[in-house]
Protein backbone atom coordinates (compact mmCIF):
# COMPACT_ATOMS: atom_id res chain seq x y z
CA MET A 1 0.09 0.07 -0.17
CA GLY A 2 1.50 3.24 -0.64
CA TRP A 3 1.55 6.47 -2.60
CA GLU A 4 3.01 6.43 -5.94
CA SER A 5 4.29 9.19 -8.65
CA ARG A 6 4.93 8.16 -12.21
CA GLN A 7 7.08 10.42 -14.21
CA GLY A 8 6.46 13.23 -11.89
CA LYS A 9 2.77 13.68 -12.97
CA GLY A 10 0.93 13.76 -9.74
CA ARG A 11 0.54 11.01 -6.89
CA TYR A 12 -1.91 8.43 -6.50
CA TYR A 13 -2.71 5.84 -4.17
CA THR A 14 -2.73 1.82 -4.64
CA ARG A 15 -3.36 -0.77 -2.55
CA SER A 16 -1.90 -4.68 -2.46
CA ARG A 17 -4.16 -7.85 -2.21
CA ARG A 18 -3.74 -11.36 -2.48
CA ALA A 19 -5.46 -12.92 -5.35
CA GLY A 20 -4.88 -16.65 -4.69
CA ALA A 21 -1.10 -17.13 -5.04
CA ARG A 22 -0.57 -13.73 -6.50
CA VAL A 23 -0.36 -10.38 -5.23
CA VAL A 24 -2.39 -7.81 -7.22
CA ARG A 25 -1.91 -3.92 -7.23
CA GLU A 26 -5.14 -2.03 -6.97
CA TYR A 27 -5.58 1.41 -7.92
CA VAL A 28 -7.23 3.76 -5.68
CA GLY A 29 -6.97 7.22 -6.92
CA SER A 30 -5.87 10.28 -5.98
CA GLY A 31 -7.28 13.55 -4.11
CA PRO A 32 -9.28 13.47 -0.88
CA PHE A 33 -10.91 9.98 -1.48
CA ALA A 34 -7.34 8.46 -1.97
CA GLU A 35 -6.32 10.33 1.32
CA LEU A 36 -9.21 9.04 3.29
CA ALA A 37 -8.66 5.42 1.85
CA ALA A 38 -4.94 5.56 2.65
CA GLU A 39 -5.79 6.65 6.47
CA LEU A 40 -8.37 4.06 6.70
CA ASP A 41 -5.74 1.76 5.61
CA ALA A 42 -3.21 2.84 7.73
CA GLU A 43 -5.71 2.38 10.74
CA GLU A 44 -6.57 -0.94 10.07
CA GLN A 45 -3.06 -1.83 9.66
CA ALA A 46 -2.17 -0.40 13.33
CA GLU A 47 -5.15 -2.40 14.53
CA ARG A 48 -3.61 -5.39 12.96
CA GLN A 49 -0.33 -4.88 14.34
CA ALA A 50 -1.86 -4.06 18.02
CA LYS A 51 -3.68 -7.45 17.64
CA ALA A 52 -0.53 -9.39 16.72
CA GLU A 53 1.49 -7.90 19.57
CA ALA A 54 -1.06 -8.54 22.11
CA PHE A 55 -0.97 -12.22 20.79
CA ARG A 56 2.88 -12.69 20.93
CA GLY A 57 2.51 -11.24 24.47
CA GLU A 58 0.10 -13.47 25.38
CA TRP A 59 1.90 -16.67 24.26
CA ALA A 60 5.02 -15.27 25.94
CA ARG A 61 3.23 -14.86 29.13
CA LEU A 62 1.85 -18.58 28.82
CA ALA A 63 5.19 -19.86 28.00
CA VAL A 64 6.76 -18.61 31.30
CA ALA A 65 3.80 -20.16 33.11
CA ASP A 66 4.32 -23.45 31.32
CA ALA A 67 8.21 -23.74 32.19
CA PRO A 68 7.58 -25.58 35.34
CA LEU A 69 5.09 -27.93 34.18
CA ALA A 70 7.75 -28.79 31.19
CA GLU A 71 10.02 -29.41 33.82
CA LEU A 72 8.08 -31.68 36.09
CA CYS A 73 7.28 -33.61 32.85
CA ASP A 74 10.85 -34.23 32.22
CA MET A 75 11.78 -35.34 35.63
CA THR A 76 8.74 -37.74 36.00
CA ASN A 77 9.49 -39.06 32.36
CA ALA A 78 13.12 -39.90 33.84
CA LEU A 79 12.10 -41.33 36.89
CA VAL A 80 9.58 -43.56 35.34
CA ARG A 81 12.23 -44.52 32.52
CA GLY A 82 14.52 -45.26 35.52
CA VAL A 83 11.95 -47.72 37.43
CA LEU A 84 11.04 -49.39 34.25
CA LEU A 85 14.70 -50.18 33.45
CA LEU A 86 15.40 -51.19 36.96
CA ALA A 87 12.26 -53.69 36.69
CA GLY A 88 13.61 -55.59 33.66
CA TYR A 89 11.80 -53.34 30.82
CA HIS A 90 13.28 -52.05 27.54
CA ARG A 91 12.41 -50.07 25.04
CA HIS A 92 10.99 -51.80 21.80
CA HIS A 93 12.70 -50.15 18.86
CA GLY A 94 12.13 -46.91 20.33
CA GLY A 95 8.30 -47.25 21.23
CA GLU A 96 6.39 -49.19 23.88
CA TRP A 97 8.18 -50.61 26.73
CA ARG A 98 8.55 -54.39 26.97
CA ARG A 99 9.78 -57.08 29.45
CA ARG A 100 12.92 -58.68 28.35
CA ARG A 101 12.92 -62.34 28.44
CA GLY A 102 13.84 -64.22 31.02
CA ALA A 103 13.78 -61.06 33.69
């Protein structure tokens, strides 16, 4: 989106939009209508950026809250793995736990 000038003959406003896999430039115009369209597009862009920033902040907050649980899961998995190995089990081709023959 932006104002363009070709060969020094005034300014006009265009916006880009996606049409399938292609990006298409759309001529909006010049003058007061184009200025209003540019202001509205700028406001929409600012709103999208604010929402994206809030979303990233929420994910960061959740990641911090999730860290102790992830650590607990890792420790629990290590403990279970150790108990099963001591009880005579092994990982069958990296999958399920099976009891060793003769154990």
